[in-house]
């Protein structure tokens, strides 16, 4: 049996440790770090089932849980899992990547096995292991409730150093191959027009 390929995030090694520290400093300073979470909250009714896939230090999941949603966070970087549990102890965070979120794992954690919204922001989708891009999107589709949607946000260009650069057409092709369709495209969480620099896309099952 061969080992699973390293994700692009894991390839970054120690260079990625500044992420959690930077956001901890922003939280401490009272900065507005909730743009992604505000949009996610607007996409669902209260008490929605939300998966924060690649939840990092937990800021999006904590905001959404504070708005009354049933939130499951998943983060494979154990350093960020520890930070999330320290900073937001009331948020359930599972130490798994997206492909590891099987029904058995979710059930064992006391969470739902389908979601009204899957949130995958902060370039997470561009950090997955090479060759798994469509499989990750397909897992989103499998996790969605019948009317569920996915919110993804990532740099198309000039992103983090180990993240993938991808064109809108290329990503749209992967979305289609995964059995999803694009509902909306924006250039930011403030719903500015779509551009070729940053992608905020809302997806649902085709």
N, C-alpha and C. Protein backbone atom coordinates (compact mmCIF):
# COMPACT_ATOMS: atom_id res chain seq x y z
N UNK A 1 0.86 -1.19 0.00
CA UNK A 1 0.00 0.00 0.00
C UNK A 1 0.89 1.24 0.00
N UNK A 2 0.60 2.19 -0.86
CA UNK A 2 1.38 3.41 -0.92
C UNK A 2 0.80 4.44 0.04
N UNK A 3 1.66 5.33 0.51
CA UNK A 3 1.21 6.39 1.40
C UNK A 3 0.39 7.41 0.61
N UNK A 4 -0.55 8.05 1.28
CA UNK A 4 -1.34 9.10 0.64
C UNK A 4 -0.41 10.25 0.27
N UNK A 5 -0.67 10.92 -0.84
CA UNK A 5 0.19 12.03 -1.24
C UNK A 5 0.09 13.18 -0.24
N UNK A 6 1.19 13.90 -0.07
CA UNK A 6 1.17 15.06 0.80
C UNK A 6 0.28 16.14 0.19
N UNK A 7 -0.47 16.80 1.03
CA UNK A 7 -1.23 17.94 0.53
C UNK A 7 -0.28 19.09 0.26
N UNK A 8 -0.75 20.05 -0.51
CA UNK A 8 0.07 21.23 -0.78
C UNK A 8 0.32 22.01 0.51
N UNK A 9 -0.62 21.95 1.45
CA UNK A 9 -0.40 22.59 2.75
C UNK A 9 0.75 21.92 3.49
N UNK A 10 0.77 20.58 3.50
CA UNK A 10 1.84 19.87 4.20
C UNK A 10 3.20 20.14 3.57
N UNK A 11 3.22 20.36 2.26
CA UNK A 11 4.48 20.68 1.60
C UNK A 11 5.07 21.99 2.11
N UNK A 12 4.21 22.87 2.62
CA UNK A 12 4.69 24.14 3.12
C UNK A 12 5.47 24.05 4.42
N UNK A 13 5.27 22.93 5.14
CA UNK A 13 6.02 22.70 6.37
C UNK A 13 5.91 23.83 7.37
N UNK A 14 7.02 24.20 7.96
CA UNK A 14 7.04 25.21 9.01
C UNK A 14 6.67 26.59 8.51
N UNK A 15 6.73 26.82 7.20
CA UNK A 15 6.38 28.13 6.67
C UNK A 15 4.90 28.45 6.91
N UNK A 16 4.09 27.43 7.16
CA UNK A 16 2.67 27.67 7.38
C UNK A 16 2.32 28.00 8.82
N UNK A 17 3.29 27.92 9.72
CA UNK A 17 2.97 28.13 11.13
C UNK A 17 2.54 29.57 11.41
N UNK A 18 2.91 30.49 10.56
CA UNK A 18 2.53 31.88 10.78
C UNK A 18 1.06 32.15 10.60
N UNK A 19 0.35 31.25 9.91
CA UNK A 19 -1.08 31.46 9.66
C UNK A 19 -1.87 31.57 10.95
N UNK A 20 -1.74 30.56 11.80
CA UNK A 20 -2.49 30.56 13.05
C UNK A 20 -2.09 31.71 13.95
N UNK A 21 -0.82 32.01 14.00
CA UNK A 21 -0.34 33.12 14.84
C UNK A 21 -0.90 34.46 14.35
N UNK A 22 -0.91 34.65 13.03
CA UNK A 22 -1.40 35.91 12.46
C UNK A 22 -2.87 36.13 12.80
N UNK A 23 -3.69 35.09 12.65
CA UNK A 23 -5.11 35.26 12.94
C UNK A 23 -5.37 35.39 14.44
N UNK A 24 -4.57 34.76 15.26
CA UNK A 24 -4.70 34.96 16.71
C UNK A 24 -4.44 36.42 17.07
N UNK A 25 -3.45 37.02 16.43
CA UNK A 25 -3.15 38.43 16.68
C UNK A 25 -4.29 39.32 16.20
N UNK A 26 -4.88 38.99 15.05
CA UNK A 26 -5.99 39.78 14.55
C UNK A 26 -7.20 39.70 15.47
N UNK A 27 -7.48 38.49 15.98
CA UNK A 27 -8.58 38.32 16.92
C UNK A 27 -8.33 39.15 18.17
N UNK A 28 -7.11 39.09 18.68
CA UNK A 28 -6.75 39.83 19.90
C UNK A 28 -6.90 41.33 19.70
N UNK A 29 -6.59 41.79 18.47
CA UNK A 29 -6.67 43.22 18.16
C UNK A 29 -8.08 43.69 17.84
N UNK A 30 -9.02 42.76 17.76
CA UNK A 30 -10.39 43.13 17.46
C UNK A 30 -10.64 43.42 15.99
N UNK A 31 -9.81 42.89 15.12
CA UNK A 31 -9.96 43.13 13.67
C UNK A 31 -11.18 42.37 13.14
N UNK A 32 -11.70 42.86 12.02
CA UNK A 32 -12.83 42.19 11.37
C UNK A 32 -12.29 41.03 10.54
N UNK A 33 -12.52 39.84 11.01
CA UNK A 33 -12.05 38.64 10.31
C UNK A 33 -13.22 37.74 9.91
N UNK A 34 -14.42 38.31 9.87
CA UNK A 34 -15.61 37.49 9.72
C UNK A 34 -16.32 37.62 8.38
N UNK A 35 -15.63 38.15 7.36
CA UNK A 35 -16.30 38.33 6.08
C UNK A 35 -16.82 37.04 5.48
N UNK A 36 -16.02 35.99 5.52
CA UNK A 36 -16.46 34.70 4.98
C UNK A 36 -17.65 34.16 5.76
N UNK A 37 -17.57 34.27 7.09
CA UNK A 37 -18.61 33.72 7.94
C UNK A 37 -19.93 34.48 7.79
N UNK A 38 -19.86 35.80 7.59
CA UNK A 38 -21.10 36.56 7.40
C UNK A 38 -21.82 36.11 6.14
N UNK A 39 -21.06 35.89 5.07
CA UNK A 39 -21.68 35.41 3.84
C UNK A 39 -22.26 34.01 4.04
N UNK A 40 -21.52 33.13 4.69
CA UNK A 40 -22.02 31.78 4.94
C UNK A 40 -23.32 31.83 5.74
N UNK A 41 -23.37 32.68 6.74
CA UNK A 41 -24.57 32.81 7.57
C UNK A 41 -25.77 33.26 6.74
N UNK A 42 -25.52 34.12 5.75
CA UNK A 42 -26.60 34.64 4.91
C UNK A 42 -27.17 33.58 3.96
N UNK A 43 -26.43 32.50 3.75
CA UNK A 43 -26.85 31.48 2.78
C UNK A 43 -27.78 30.43 3.36
N UNK A 44 -27.96 30.43 4.68
CA UNK A 44 -28.75 29.37 5.32
C UNK A 44 -29.68 29.96 6.36
N UNK A 45 -30.76 29.23 6.69
CA UNK A 45 -31.62 29.65 7.80
C UNK A 45 -30.95 29.32 9.13
N UNK A 46 -31.50 29.83 10.20
CA UNK A 46 -30.99 29.52 11.52
C UNK A 46 -31.07 28.03 11.80
N UNK A 47 -30.13 27.58 12.63
CA UNK A 47 -30.02 26.18 13.04
C UNK A 47 -29.69 25.27 11.87
N UNK A 48 -29.00 25.81 10.88
CA UNK A 48 -28.56 24.99 9.75
C UNK A 48 -27.41 24.08 10.17
N UNK A 49 -27.26 23.01 9.43
CA UNK A 49 -26.14 22.08 9.61
C UNK A 49 -25.01 22.55 8.69
N UNK A 50 -23.88 22.92 9.29
CA UNK A 50 -22.78 23.50 8.51
C UNK A 50 -21.51 22.74 8.80
N UNK A 51 -20.79 22.40 7.73
CA UNK A 51 -19.45 21.82 7.83
C UNK A 51 -18.44 22.88 7.42
N UNK A 52 -17.48 23.15 8.30
CA UNK A 52 -16.36 24.02 7.96
C UNK A 52 -15.18 23.12 7.62
N UNK A 53 -14.96 22.93 6.33
CA UNK A 53 -13.94 21.99 5.85
C UNK A 53 -12.60 22.71 5.69
N UNK A 54 -11.62 22.31 6.49
CA UNK A 54 -10.36 23.03 6.52
C UNK A 54 -10.51 24.26 7.40
N UNK A 55 -10.90 24.03 8.64
CA UNK A 55 -11.37 25.11 9.52
C UNK A 55 -10.26 25.93 10.15
N UNK A 56 -9.00 25.52 9.97
CA UNK A 56 -7.90 26.31 10.49
C UNK A 56 -7.97 26.50 11.98
N UNK A 57 -7.84 27.76 12.43
CA UNK A 57 -7.84 28.02 13.87
C UNK A 57 -9.25 28.21 14.42
N UNK A 58 -10.28 28.01 13.59
CA UNK A 58 -11.65 27.90 14.08
C UNK A 58 -12.50 29.15 14.02
N UNK A 59 -12.00 30.22 13.43
CA UNK A 59 -12.72 31.50 13.50
C UNK A 59 -14.06 31.46 12.78
N UNK A 60 -14.15 30.84 11.58
CA UNK A 60 -15.41 30.79 10.84
C UNK A 60 -16.41 29.90 11.56
N UNK A 61 -15.96 28.74 11.99
CA UNK A 61 -16.85 27.82 12.70
C UNK A 61 -17.40 28.45 13.97
N UNK A 62 -16.56 29.16 14.71
CA UNK A 62 -17.00 29.78 15.96
C UNK A 62 -18.05 30.85 15.69
N UNK A 63 -17.85 31.66 14.67
CA UNK A 63 -18.83 32.69 14.32
C UNK A 63 -20.17 32.04 14.00
N UNK A 64 -20.15 31.03 13.17
CA UNK A 64 -21.40 30.40 12.73
C UNK A 64 -22.10 29.69 13.88
N UNK A 65 -21.34 29.06 14.73
CA UNK A 65 -21.96 28.42 15.89
C UNK A 65 -22.59 29.47 16.79
N UNK A 66 -21.94 30.62 16.90
CA UNK A 66 -22.50 31.69 17.71
C UNK A 66 -23.78 32.27 17.15
N UNK A 67 -24.05 32.02 15.87
CA UNK A 67 -25.29 32.46 15.25
C UNK A 67 -26.38 31.40 15.31
N UNK A 68 -26.12 30.35 16.04
CA UNK A 68 -27.16 29.35 16.27
C UNK A 68 -27.15 28.17 15.33
N UNK A 69 -26.09 28.01 14.55
CA UNK A 69 -26.02 26.88 13.62
C UNK A 69 -25.38 25.67 14.30
N UNK A 70 -25.66 24.50 13.75
CA UNK A 70 -25.03 23.27 14.21
C UNK A 70 -23.80 23.05 13.34
N UNK A 71 -22.62 23.28 13.90
CA UNK A 71 -21.39 23.36 13.12
C UNK A 71 -20.45 22.21 13.48
N UNK A 72 -19.91 21.59 12.45
CA UNK A 72 -18.80 20.64 12.60
C UNK A 72 -17.62 21.23 11.85
N UNK A 73 -16.49 21.33 12.53
CA UNK A 73 -15.26 21.81 11.91
C UNK A 73 -14.32 20.63 11.69
N UNK A 74 -13.59 20.67 10.58
CA UNK A 74 -12.63 19.61 10.28
C UNK A 74 -11.32 20.26 9.84
N UNK A 75 -10.22 19.83 10.45
CA UNK A 75 -8.91 20.42 10.17
C UNK A 75 -7.82 19.36 10.36
N UNK A 76 -7.07 19.02 9.29
CA UNK A 76 -6.08 17.96 9.43
C UNK A 76 -4.77 18.38 10.09
N UNK A 77 -4.45 19.69 10.14
CA UNK A 77 -3.21 20.15 10.75
C UNK A 77 -3.39 20.14 12.27
N UNK A 78 -2.69 19.25 12.94
CA UNK A 78 -2.91 19.06 14.37
C UNK A 78 -2.51 20.29 15.18
N UNK A 79 -1.59 21.10 14.67
CA UNK A 79 -1.25 22.34 15.37
C UNK A 79 -2.44 23.29 15.37
N UNK A 80 -3.14 23.36 14.24
CA UNK A 80 -4.31 24.23 14.16
C UNK A 80 -5.49 23.66 14.93
N UNK A 81 -5.61 22.34 14.96
CA UNK A 81 -6.65 21.71 15.79
C UNK A 81 -6.46 22.12 17.25
N UNK A 82 -5.21 22.05 17.73
CA UNK A 82 -4.93 22.41 19.12
C UNK A 82 -5.24 23.89 19.36
N UNK A 83 -4.86 24.75 18.43
CA UNK A 83 -5.15 26.18 18.57
C UNK A 83 -6.64 26.44 18.59
N UNK A 84 -7.38 25.76 17.70
CA UNK A 84 -8.82 25.93 17.65
C UNK A 84 -9.47 25.50 18.96
N UNK A 85 -9.04 24.41 19.49
CA UNK A 85 -9.64 23.91 20.73
C UNK A 85 -9.32 24.81 21.91
N UNK A 86 -8.15 25.46 21.89
CA UNK A 86 -7.82 26.42 22.95
C UNK A 86 -8.64 27.70 22.80
N UNK A 87 -8.75 28.18 21.57
CA UNK A 87 -9.36 29.48 21.34
C UNK A 87 -10.87 29.42 21.38
N UNK A 88 -11.43 28.33 20.82
CA UNK A 88 -12.89 28.17 20.74
C UNK A 88 -13.27 26.79 21.27
N UNK A 89 -13.19 26.59 22.57
CA UNK A 89 -13.37 25.23 23.14
C UNK A 89 -14.76 24.66 22.92
N UNK A 90 -15.74 25.49 22.60
CA UNK A 90 -17.09 24.97 22.39
C UNK A 90 -17.34 24.47 20.97
N UNK A 91 -16.36 24.64 20.09
CA UNK A 91 -16.50 24.21 18.70
C UNK A 91 -15.97 22.79 18.55
N UNK A 92 -16.77 21.91 17.96
CA UNK A 92 -16.32 20.55 17.68
C UNK A 92 -15.42 20.58 16.45
N UNK A 93 -14.16 20.18 16.62
CA UNK A 93 -13.23 20.15 15.49
C UNK A 93 -12.65 18.75 15.37
N UNK A 94 -12.79 18.17 14.18
CA UNK A 94 -12.31 16.82 13.92
C UNK A 94 -10.97 16.88 13.22
N UNK A 95 -10.00 16.06 13.63
CA UNK A 95 -8.67 16.10 13.03
C UNK A 95 -8.59 15.30 11.73
N UNK A 96 -9.35 15.74 10.74
CA UNK A 96 -9.44 15.00 9.48
C UNK A 96 -9.42 15.96 8.30
N UNK A 97 -8.90 15.47 7.18
CA UNK A 97 -9.05 16.23 5.94
C UNK A 97 -10.42 15.93 5.34
N UNK A 98 -10.72 16.56 4.24
CA UNK A 98 -12.06 16.47 3.66
C UNK A 98 -12.38 15.03 3.26
N UNK A 99 -11.41 14.36 2.64
CA UNK A 99 -11.66 13.00 2.18
C UNK A 99 -11.80 12.02 3.34
N UNK A 100 -11.34 12.40 4.52
CA UNK A 100 -11.47 11.54 5.69
C UNK A 100 -12.78 11.68 6.42
N UNK A 101 -13.65 12.56 5.94
CA UNK A 101 -14.94 12.79 6.61
C UNK A 101 -15.97 11.78 6.11
N UNK A 102 -15.82 10.55 6.55
CA UNK A 102 -16.74 9.49 6.18
C UNK A 102 -17.97 9.56 7.09
N UNK A 103 -19.08 8.93 6.69
CA UNK A 103 -20.24 8.87 7.59
C UNK A 103 -19.90 8.29 8.95
N UNK A 104 -19.01 7.31 8.99
CA UNK A 104 -18.64 6.69 10.26
C UNK A 104 -17.94 7.69 11.18
N UNK A 105 -17.02 8.48 10.60
CA UNK A 105 -16.30 9.48 11.39
C UNK A 105 -17.26 10.53 11.92
N UNK A 106 -18.16 11.01 11.08
CA UNK A 106 -19.11 12.04 11.50
C UNK A 106 -20.08 11.52 12.55
N UNK A 107 -20.56 10.31 12.36
CA UNK A 107 -21.49 9.73 13.33
C UNK A 107 -20.82 9.52 14.68
N UNK A 108 -19.59 9.02 14.66
CA UNK A 108 -18.86 8.78 15.90
C UNK A 108 -18.64 10.07 16.68
N UNK A 109 -18.54 11.20 15.95
CA UNK A 109 -18.33 12.49 16.60
C UNK A 109 -19.64 13.14 17.03
N UNK A 110 -20.76 12.46 16.78
CA UNK A 110 -22.05 13.00 17.16
C UNK A 110 -22.56 14.07 16.23
N UNK A 111 -21.99 14.15 15.03
CA UNK A 111 -22.41 15.17 14.07
C UNK A 111 -23.36 14.62 13.04
N UNK A 112 -23.96 15.52 12.25
CA UNK A 112 -24.78 15.07 11.13
C UNK A 112 -23.91 14.44 10.04
N UNK A 113 -24.53 13.68 9.17
CA UNK A 113 -23.80 13.09 8.04
C UNK A 113 -24.12 13.79 6.73
N UNK A 114 -25.01 14.78 6.77
CA UNK A 114 -25.24 15.63 5.62
C UNK A 114 -25.46 17.06 6.10
N UNK A 115 -25.18 18.01 5.22
CA UNK A 115 -25.09 19.40 5.64
C UNK A 115 -25.86 20.31 4.69
N UNK A 116 -26.41 21.36 5.28
CA UNK A 116 -27.08 22.39 4.49
C UNK A 116 -26.07 23.29 3.79
N UNK A 117 -24.88 23.38 4.35
CA UNK A 117 -23.82 24.20 3.77
C UNK A 117 -22.47 23.61 4.12
N UNK A 118 -21.63 23.48 3.11
CA UNK A 118 -20.21 23.16 3.32
C UNK A 118 -19.42 24.43 3.03
N UNK A 119 -18.65 24.87 3.99
CA UNK A 119 -17.81 26.06 3.85
C UNK A 119 -16.37 25.61 3.68
N UNK A 120 -15.73 26.09 2.62
CA UNK A 120 -14.33 25.74 2.36
C UNK A 120 -13.64 27.01 1.84
N UNK A 121 -13.17 27.82 2.77
CA UNK A 121 -12.64 29.14 2.42
C UNK A 121 -11.19 29.25 2.85
N UNK A 122 -10.59 30.42 2.60
CA UNK A 122 -9.20 30.62 3.01
C UNK A 122 -8.20 29.80 2.22
N UNK A 123 -8.48 29.56 0.94
CA UNK A 123 -7.56 28.84 0.05
C UNK A 123 -7.46 27.35 0.32
N UNK A 124 -8.31 26.82 1.18
CA UNK A 124 -8.22 25.39 1.51
C UNK A 124 -8.29 24.53 0.26
N UNK A 125 -9.18 24.86 -0.65
CA UNK A 125 -9.38 24.03 -1.84
C UNK A 125 -8.14 23.99 -2.73
N UNK A 126 -7.28 25.01 -2.64
CA UNK A 126 -6.06 25.02 -3.45
C UNK A 126 -4.87 24.39 -2.72
N UNK A 127 -5.09 23.93 -1.50
CA UNK A 127 -4.04 23.27 -0.74
C UNK A 127 -4.18 21.75 -0.73
N UNK A 128 -5.24 21.20 -1.34
CA UNK A 128 -5.41 19.74 -1.30
C UNK A 128 -4.32 19.07 -2.11
N UNK A 129 -4.13 17.78 -1.89
CA UNK A 129 -3.06 17.05 -2.56
C UNK A 129 -3.29 17.01 -4.07
N UNK A 130 -2.21 17.07 -4.79
CA UNK A 130 -2.29 17.01 -6.25
C UNK A 130 -2.97 15.72 -6.69
N UNK A 131 -3.91 15.86 -7.61
CA UNK A 131 -4.63 14.70 -8.11
C UNK A 131 -5.91 14.39 -7.35
N UNK A 132 -6.17 15.09 -6.24
CA UNK A 132 -7.38 14.82 -5.46
C UNK A 132 -8.43 15.91 -5.63
N UNK A 133 -8.19 16.86 -6.51
CA UNK A 133 -9.06 18.04 -6.60
C UNK A 133 -10.52 17.67 -6.88
N UNK A 134 -10.76 16.81 -7.85
CA UNK A 134 -12.13 16.42 -8.19
C UNK A 134 -12.72 15.55 -7.08
N UNK A 135 -11.91 14.67 -6.51
CA UNK A 135 -12.40 13.81 -5.43
C UNK A 135 -12.86 14.64 -4.22
N UNK A 136 -12.15 15.71 -3.92
CA UNK A 136 -12.54 16.57 -2.81
C UNK A 136 -13.88 17.24 -3.10
N UNK A 137 -14.04 17.77 -4.30
CA UNK A 137 -15.31 18.39 -4.68
C UNK A 137 -16.44 17.36 -4.70
N UNK A 138 -16.14 16.15 -5.15
CA UNK A 138 -17.17 15.10 -5.14
C UNK A 138 -17.58 14.76 -3.70
N UNK A 139 -16.62 14.81 -2.78
CA UNK A 139 -16.97 14.57 -1.37
C UNK A 139 -17.88 15.67 -0.85
N UNK A 140 -17.66 16.89 -1.28
CA UNK A 140 -18.60 17.95 -0.92
C UNK A 140 -20.02 17.57 -1.34
N UNK A 141 -20.14 17.14 -2.59
CA UNK A 141 -21.47 16.79 -3.11
C UNK A 141 -22.09 15.68 -2.28
N UNK A 142 -21.30 14.69 -1.90
CA UNK A 142 -21.81 13.58 -1.11
C UNK A 142 -22.26 14.02 0.29
N UNK A 143 -21.67 15.07 0.79
CA UNK A 143 -21.98 15.55 2.13
C UNK A 143 -23.16 16.52 2.16
N UNK A 144 -23.58 17.01 1.01
CA UNK A 144 -24.65 18.00 0.97
C UNK A 144 -26.01 17.36 1.11
N UNK A 145 -26.88 18.02 1.88
CA UNK A 145 -28.30 17.68 1.90
C UNK A 145 -28.89 17.98 0.53
N UNK A 146 -30.09 17.46 0.23
CA UNK A 146 -30.65 17.63 -1.13
C UNK A 146 -30.66 19.07 -1.64
N UNK A 147 -30.92 20.04 -0.79
CA UNK A 147 -30.91 21.44 -1.20
C UNK A 147 -29.67 22.19 -0.70
N UNK A 148 -28.66 21.43 -0.31
CA UNK A 148 -27.48 22.05 0.27
C UNK A 148 -26.59 22.72 -0.76
N UNK A 149 -25.72 23.60 -0.25
CA UNK A 149 -24.79 24.32 -1.11
C UNK A 149 -23.40 24.32 -0.49
N UNK A 150 -22.42 24.61 -1.31
CA UNK A 150 -21.04 24.74 -0.84
C UNK A 150 -20.54 26.15 -1.16
N UNK A 151 -19.83 26.74 -0.22
CA UNK A 151 -19.19 28.04 -0.40
C UNK A 151 -17.69 27.83 -0.41
N UNK A 152 -17.04 28.16 -1.53
CA UNK A 152 -15.58 28.03 -1.62
C UNK A 152 -14.98 29.40 -1.91
N UNK A 153 -13.82 29.64 -1.34
CA UNK A 153 -13.13 30.90 -1.57
C UNK A 153 -11.63 30.67 -1.64
N UNK A 154 -10.99 31.21 -2.68
CA UNK A 154 -9.56 30.94 -2.87
C UNK A 154 -8.97 31.91 -3.87
N UNK A 155 -7.65 32.10 -3.78
CA UNK A 155 -6.92 32.89 -4.76
C UNK A 155 -6.80 32.11 -6.07
N UNK A 156 -7.14 32.75 -7.14
CA UNK A 156 -6.88 32.18 -8.46
C UNK A 156 -5.43 32.40 -8.86
N UNK A 157 -4.87 33.52 -8.46
CA UNK A 157 -3.47 33.85 -8.70
C UNK A 157 -2.89 34.50 -7.46
N UNK A 158 -1.56 34.44 -7.35
CA UNK A 158 -0.85 35.12 -6.27
C UNK A 158 -1.31 34.67 -4.88
N UNK A 159 -1.63 33.40 -4.75
CA UNK A 159 -2.00 32.86 -3.46
C UNK A 159 -0.78 32.45 -2.66
N UNK A 160 -0.97 31.72 -1.55
CA UNK A 160 0.15 31.24 -0.75
C UNK A 160 1.13 30.41 -1.58
N UNK A 161 2.37 30.34 -1.14
CA UNK A 161 3.44 29.86 -2.01
C UNK A 161 3.29 28.40 -2.43
N UNK A 162 2.70 27.54 -1.62
CA UNK A 162 2.54 26.14 -2.04
C UNK A 162 1.14 25.85 -2.58
N UNK A 163 0.26 26.85 -2.57
CA UNK A 163 -1.09 26.65 -3.08
C UNK A 163 -1.09 26.57 -4.60
N UNK A 164 -2.11 25.94 -5.14
CA UNK A 164 -2.24 25.78 -6.58
C UNK A 164 -2.82 27.03 -7.21
N UNK A 165 -2.28 27.45 -8.35
CA UNK A 165 -2.92 28.46 -9.17
C UNK A 165 -3.84 27.75 -10.15
N UNK A 166 -5.04 28.28 -10.31
CA UNK A 166 -6.04 27.62 -11.15
C UNK A 166 -6.86 28.69 -11.85
N UNK A 167 -7.22 28.45 -13.09
CA UNK A 167 -8.04 29.40 -13.82
C UNK A 167 -9.52 29.13 -13.52
N UNK A 168 -10.38 30.14 -13.71
CA UNK A 168 -11.81 29.90 -13.52
C UNK A 168 -12.34 28.76 -14.38
N UNK A 169 -11.91 28.69 -15.64
CA UNK A 169 -12.39 27.62 -16.52
C UNK A 169 -11.93 26.25 -16.03
N UNK A 170 -10.71 26.17 -15.54
CA UNK A 170 -10.20 24.89 -15.04
C UNK A 170 -10.99 24.44 -13.82
N UNK A 171 -11.23 25.36 -12.90
CA UNK A 171 -11.98 24.99 -11.70
C UNK A 171 -13.42 24.65 -12.04
N UNK A 172 -14.00 25.38 -12.99
CA UNK A 172 -15.37 25.07 -13.41
C UNK A 172 -15.46 23.65 -13.98
N UNK A 173 -14.43 23.23 -14.71
CA UNK A 173 -14.40 21.87 -15.24
C UNK A 173 -14.33 20.83 -14.14
N UNK A 174 -13.57 21.11 -13.10
CA UNK A 174 -13.48 20.19 -11.98
C UNK A 174 -14.80 20.12 -11.22
N UNK A 175 -15.44 21.26 -11.07
CA UNK A 175 -16.75 21.30 -10.42
C UNK A 175 -17.74 20.41 -11.18
N UNK A 176 -17.77 20.54 -12.49
CA UNK A 176 -18.68 19.73 -13.30
C UNK A 176 -18.34 18.25 -13.20
N UNK A 177 -17.04 17.93 -13.23
CA UNK A 177 -16.63 16.53 -13.15
C UNK A 177 -17.01 15.90 -11.82
N UNK A 178 -17.15 16.72 -10.78
CA UNK A 178 -17.52 16.22 -9.46
C UNK A 178 -19.03 16.11 -9.27
N UNK A 179 -19.81 16.46 -10.29
CA UNK A 179 -21.25 16.37 -10.17
C UNK A 179 -21.89 17.57 -9.49
N UNK A 180 -21.18 18.69 -9.52
CA UNK A 180 -21.70 19.93 -8.96
C UNK A 180 -21.96 20.93 -10.07
N UNK A 181 -22.65 22.01 -9.73
CA UNK A 181 -22.81 23.11 -10.68
C UNK A 181 -22.57 24.42 -9.93
N UNK A 182 -22.24 25.44 -10.68
CA UNK A 182 -21.97 26.76 -10.10
C UNK A 182 -23.25 27.57 -10.08
N UNK A 183 -23.67 28.00 -8.90
CA UNK A 183 -24.82 28.89 -8.77
C UNK A 183 -24.43 30.35 -8.95
N UNK A 184 -23.31 30.74 -8.30
CA UNK A 184 -22.90 32.15 -8.33
C UNK A 184 -21.37 32.24 -8.32
N UNK A 185 -20.85 33.28 -8.95
CA UNK A 185 -19.43 33.60 -8.91
C UNK A 185 -19.26 35.05 -8.48
N UNK A 186 -18.38 35.25 -7.51
CA UNK A 186 -18.06 36.60 -7.06
C UNK A 186 -16.54 36.75 -6.96
N UNK A 187 -16.11 37.98 -6.80
CA UNK A 187 -14.68 38.26 -6.66
C UNK A 187 -14.27 38.52 -5.22
N UNK A 188 -15.20 38.41 -4.28
CA UNK A 188 -14.90 38.63 -2.87
C UNK A 188 -16.11 38.33 -2.02
N UNK A 189 -15.91 38.29 -0.71
CA UNK A 189 -17.01 37.97 0.20
C UNK A 189 -17.98 39.13 0.36
N UNK A 190 -17.63 40.30 -0.18
CA UNK A 190 -18.56 41.42 -0.23
C UNK A 190 -19.37 41.41 -1.52
N UNK A 191 -19.29 40.30 -2.26
CA UNK A 191 -20.08 40.05 -3.47
C UNK A 191 -19.72 41.01 -4.60
N UNK A 192 -18.49 41.43 -4.67
CA UNK A 192 -18.01 42.22 -5.80
C UNK A 192 -18.00 41.34 -7.05
N UNK A 193 -18.01 41.94 -8.24
CA UNK A 193 -18.04 41.13 -9.47
C UNK A 193 -16.86 40.17 -9.56
N UNK A 194 -17.10 39.04 -10.20
CA UNK A 194 -16.05 38.03 -10.38
C UNK A 194 -14.88 38.60 -11.16
N UNK A 195 -13.68 38.16 -10.81
CA UNK A 195 -12.48 38.56 -11.53
C UNK A 195 -11.55 37.36 -11.63
N UNK A 196 -10.32 37.58 -12.10
CA UNK A 196 -9.37 36.48 -12.27
C UNK A 196 -8.35 36.42 -11.15
N UNK A 197 -8.61 37.10 -10.04
CA UNK A 197 -7.66 37.13 -8.93
C UNK A 197 -8.14 36.30 -7.75
N UNK A 198 -9.39 36.50 -7.34
CA UNK A 198 -9.92 35.78 -6.20
C UNK A 198 -11.30 35.24 -6.55
N UNK A 199 -11.58 34.02 -6.11
CA UNK A 199 -12.84 33.36 -6.44
C UNK A 199 -13.65 33.11 -5.17
N UNK A 200 -14.88 33.56 -5.17
CA UNK A 200 -15.87 33.18 -4.16
C UNK A 200 -17.04 32.60 -4.94
N UNK A 201 -17.14 31.28 -4.90
CA UNK A 201 -18.14 30.56 -5.70
C UNK A 201 -19.10 29.81 -4.79
N UNK A 202 -20.35 29.78 -5.19
CA UNK A 202 -21.37 29.01 -4.49
C UNK A 202 -21.82 27.86 -5.41
N UNK A 203 -21.72 26.67 -4.89
CA UNK A 203 -21.94 25.46 -5.67
C UNK A 203 -23.11 24.67 -5.09
N UNK A 204 -23.72 23.83 -5.92
CA UNK A 204 -24.71 22.87 -5.44
C UNK A 204 -24.65 21.64 -6.34
N UNK A 205 -25.33 20.57 -5.93
CA UNK A 205 -25.35 19.35 -6.72
C UNK A 205 -26.01 19.62 -8.06
N UNK A 206 -25.44 19.03 -9.12
CA UNK A 206 -25.97 19.22 -10.47
C UNK A 206 -27.28 18.47 -10.63
